[in-house]
Amino acid sequence: MDDDGVRPVRPNPRLADHPEGSAIRTAQAVFNQTYCTLLQQLEQAFNGNPAMLGMSVGTMYALTGQAQGLMAMQDDDGLAVGPTFEYVAVEDRA
């Protein structure tokens, strides 16, 4: 196995790993909101509103960029940052 391209990451990342207002936590929170929006769009697409499938593709591209941005960041321990995939209730999404 070639480990040269593998960056060390914090196991099981969570928003609570970083202080409120930090760039990392903010980026993770935005990712979580986009991720939950995508899940909602896919649920709608597969439960009677197929037009939502097209809209979800744009959200997928946005999510990809957000994930790549997170993985390019490092925390104070020198570990790569990643998405947390935490649920954000509909009423709490921006």
C-alpha atoms as a PDB file:
ATOM      1  CA  MET A   1       0.000   0.000   0.000  1.00  0.00           C
ATOM      2  CA  ASP A   2       1.261   3.476  -0.891  1.00  0.00           C
ATOM      3  CA  ASP A   3       0.524   5.788   2.041  1.00  0.00           C
ATOM      4  CA  ASP A   4       2.114   8.892   0.454  1.00  0.00           C
ATOM      5  CA  GLY A   5      -1.229  10.242  -0.787  1.00  0.00           C
ATOM      6  CA  VAL A   6      -3.083   9.558   2.472  1.00  0.00           C
ATOM      7  CA  ARG A   7      -3.424  12.405   4.948  1.00  0.00           C
ATOM      8  CA  PRO A   8      -3.992  11.748   8.634  1.00  0.00           C
ATOM      9  CA  VAL A   9      -7.479  12.766   9.755  1.00  0.00           C
ATOM     10  CA  ARG A  10      -9.228  13.016  13.085  1.00  0.00           C
ATOM     11  CA  PRO A  11     -11.343   9.898  13.605  1.00  0.00           C
ATOM     12  CA  ASN A  12     -15.088  10.520  13.639  1.00  0.00           C
ATOM     13  CA  PRO A  13     -14.963  14.330  13.180  1.00  0.00           C
ATOM     14  CA  ARG A  14     -17.674  16.425  14.861  1.00  0.00           C
ATOM     15  CA  LEU A  15     -18.530  20.114  14.957  1.00  0.00           C
ATOM     16  CA  ALA A  16     -17.787  20.074  18.681  1.00  0.00           C
ATOM     17  CA  ASP A  17     -14.110  19.321  17.902  1.00  0.00           C
ATOM     18  CA  HIS A  18     -13.595  22.990  17.001  1.00  0.00           C
ATOM     19  CA  PRO A  19     -14.600  26.239  18.715  1.00  0.00           C
ATOM     20  CA  GLU A  20     -17.692  28.135  17.591  1.00  0.00           C
ATOM     21  CA  GLY A  21     -16.840  30.767  15.022  1.00  0.00           C
ATOM     22  CA  SER A  22     -13.675  29.029  13.859  1.00  0.00           C
ATOM     23  CA  ALA A  23     -13.147  28.707  10.117  1.00  0.00           C
ATOM     24  CA  ILE A  24     -13.172  24.906  10.359  1.00  0.00           C
ATOM     25  CA  ARG A  25     -16.407  24.680  12.335  1.00  0.00           C
ATOM     26  CA  THR A  26     -18.098  27.213  10.062  1.00  0.00           C
ATOM     27  CA  ALA A  27     -17.084  25.267   6.939  1.00  0.00           C
ATOM     28  CA  GLN A  28     -18.276  21.999   8.492  1.00  0.00           C
ATOM     29  CA  ALA A  29     -21.622  23.571   9.454  1.00  0.00           C
ATOM     30  CA  VAL A  30     -22.138  24.844   5.898  1.00  0.00           C
ATOM     31  CA  PHE A  31     -21.316  21.369   4.551  1.00  0.00           C
ATOM     32  CA  ASN A  32     -23.839  19.792   6.939  1.00  0.00           C
ATOM     33  CA  GLN A  33     -26.568  22.189   5.818  1.00  0.00           C
ATOM     34  CA  THR A  34     -25.880  21.438   2.150  1.00  0.00           C
ATOM     35  CA  TYR A  35     -25.718  17.696   2.827  1.00  0.00           C
ATOM     36  CA  CYS A  36     -29.093  17.698   4.598  1.00  0.00           C
ATOM     37  CA  THR A  37     -30.599  19.802   1.816  1.00  0.00           C
ATOM     38  CA  LEU A  38     -29.375  17.200  -0.684  1.00  0.00           C
ATOM     39  CA  LEU A  39     -30.961  14.387   1.303  1.00  0.00           C
ATOM     40  CA  GLN A  40     -34.251  16.286   1.391  1.00  0.00           C
ATOM     41  CA  GLN A  41     -34.127  16.926  -2.365  1.00  0.00           C
ATOM     42  CA  LEU A  42     -33.451  13.256  -3.100  1.00  0.00           C
ATOM     43  CA  GLU A  43     -36.281  12.186  -0.813  1.00  0.00           C
ATOM     44  CA  GLN A  44     -38.656  14.499  -2.665  1.00  0.00           C
ATOM     45  CA  ALA A  45     -37.372  13.305  -6.058  1.00  0.00           C
ATOM     46  CA  PHE A  46     -37.987   9.661  -5.249  1.00  0.00           C
ATOM     47  CA  ASN A  47     -41.321  10.252  -3.537  1.00  0.00           C
ATOM     48  CA  GLY A  48     -43.398  11.946  -6.193  1.00  0.00           C
ATOM     49  CA  ASN A  49     -41.488  15.028  -7.360  1.00  0.00           C
ATOM     50  CA  PRO A  50     -38.975  13.780  -9.970  1.00  0.00           C
ATOM     51  CA  ALA A  51     -38.118  17.352 -11.023  1.00  0.00           C
ATOM     52  CA  MET A  52     -36.154  17.624  -7.775  1.00  0.00           C
ATOM     53  CA  LEU A  53     -33.620  15.138  -9.136  1.00  0.00           C
ATOM     54  CA  GLY A  54     -32.241  17.751 -11.527  1.00  0.00           C
ATOM     55  CA  MET A  55     -31.987  20.296  -8.735  1.00  0.00           C
ATOM     56  CA  SER A  56     -30.184  17.780  -6.544  1.00  0.00           C
ATOM     57  CA  VAL A  57     -27.382  17.434  -9.111  1.00  0.00           C
ATOM     58  CA  GLY A  58     -26.434  21.081  -8.584  1.00  0.00           C
ATOM     59  CA  THR A  59     -26.466  20.514  -4.843  1.00  0.00           C
ATOM     60  CA  MET A  60     -24.193  17.489  -5.312  1.00  0.00           C
ATOM     61  CA  TYR A  61     -21.648  19.653  -7.132  1.00  0.00           C
ATOM     62  CA  ALA A  62     -21.802  22.267  -4.372  1.00  0.00           C
ATOM     63  CA  LEU A  63     -21.291  19.531  -1.780  1.00  0.00           C
ATOM     64  CA  THR A  64     -18.254  18.207  -3.659  1.00  0.00           C
ATOM     65  CA  GLY A  65     -16.594  21.617  -3.603  1.00  0.00           C
ATOM     66  CA  GLN A  66     -17.360  22.084   0.080  1.00  0.00           C
ATOM     67  CA  ALA A  67     -15.919  18.655   0.952  1.00  0.00           C
ATOM     68  CA  GLN A  68     -12.761  19.340  -1.054  1.00  0.00           C
ATOM     69  CA  GLY A  69     -12.364  22.676   0.708  1.00  0.00           C
ATOM     70  CA  LEU A  70     -12.674  21.008   4.093  1.00  0.00           C
ATOM     71  CA  MET A  71     -10.167  18.301   3.245  1.00  0.00           C
ATOM     72  CA  ALA A  72      -7.635  20.957   2.204  1.00  0.00           C
ATOM     73  CA  MET A  73      -7.762  22.459   5.730  1.00  0.00           C
ATOM     74  CA  GLN A  74      -5.681  21.325   8.701  1.00  0.00           C
ATOM     75  CA  ASP A  75      -6.561  21.606  12.366  1.00  0.00           C
ATOM     76  CA  ASP A  76      -4.197  22.699  15.166  1.00  0.00           C
ATOM     77  CA  ASP A  77      -2.955  19.118  15.516  1.00  0.00           C
ATOM     78  CA  GLY A  78      -1.895  19.011  11.844  1.00  0.00           C
ATOM     79  CA  LEU A  79      -4.696  16.626  10.950  1.00  0.00           C
ATOM     80  CA  ALA A  80      -6.735  17.024   7.786  1.00  0.00           C
ATOM     81  CA  VAL A  81     -10.262  18.293   8.370  1.00  0.00           C
ATOM     82  CA  GLY A  82     -13.276  16.550   6.919  1.00  0.00           C
ATOM     83  CA  PRO A  83     -17.063  16.664   6.757  1.00  0.00           C
ATOM     84  CA  THR A  84     -18.976  15.637   9.864  1.00  0.00           C
ATOM     85  CA  PHE A  85     -22.251  14.564   8.175  1.00  0.00           C
ATOM     86  CA  GLU A  86     -24.293  15.793  11.146  1.00  0.00           C
ATOM     87  CA  TYR A  87     -28.052  16.296  10.716  1.00  0.00           C
ATOM     88  CA  VAL A  88     -29.371  19.851  10.506  1.00  0.00           C
ATOM     89  CA  ALA A  89     -33.124  20.242  11.012  1.00  0.00           C
ATOM     90  CA  VAL A  90     -35.013  21.934   8.180  1.00  0.00           C
ATOM     91  CA  GLU A  91     -35.857  24.954  10.321  1.00  0.00           C
ATOM     92  CA  ASP A  92     -32.155  25.443  11.171  1.00  0.00           C
ATOM     93  CA  ARG A  93     -30.905  25.444   7.566  1.00  0.00           C
ATOM     94  CA  ALA A  94     -29.876  28.767   6.068  1.00  0.00           C
END
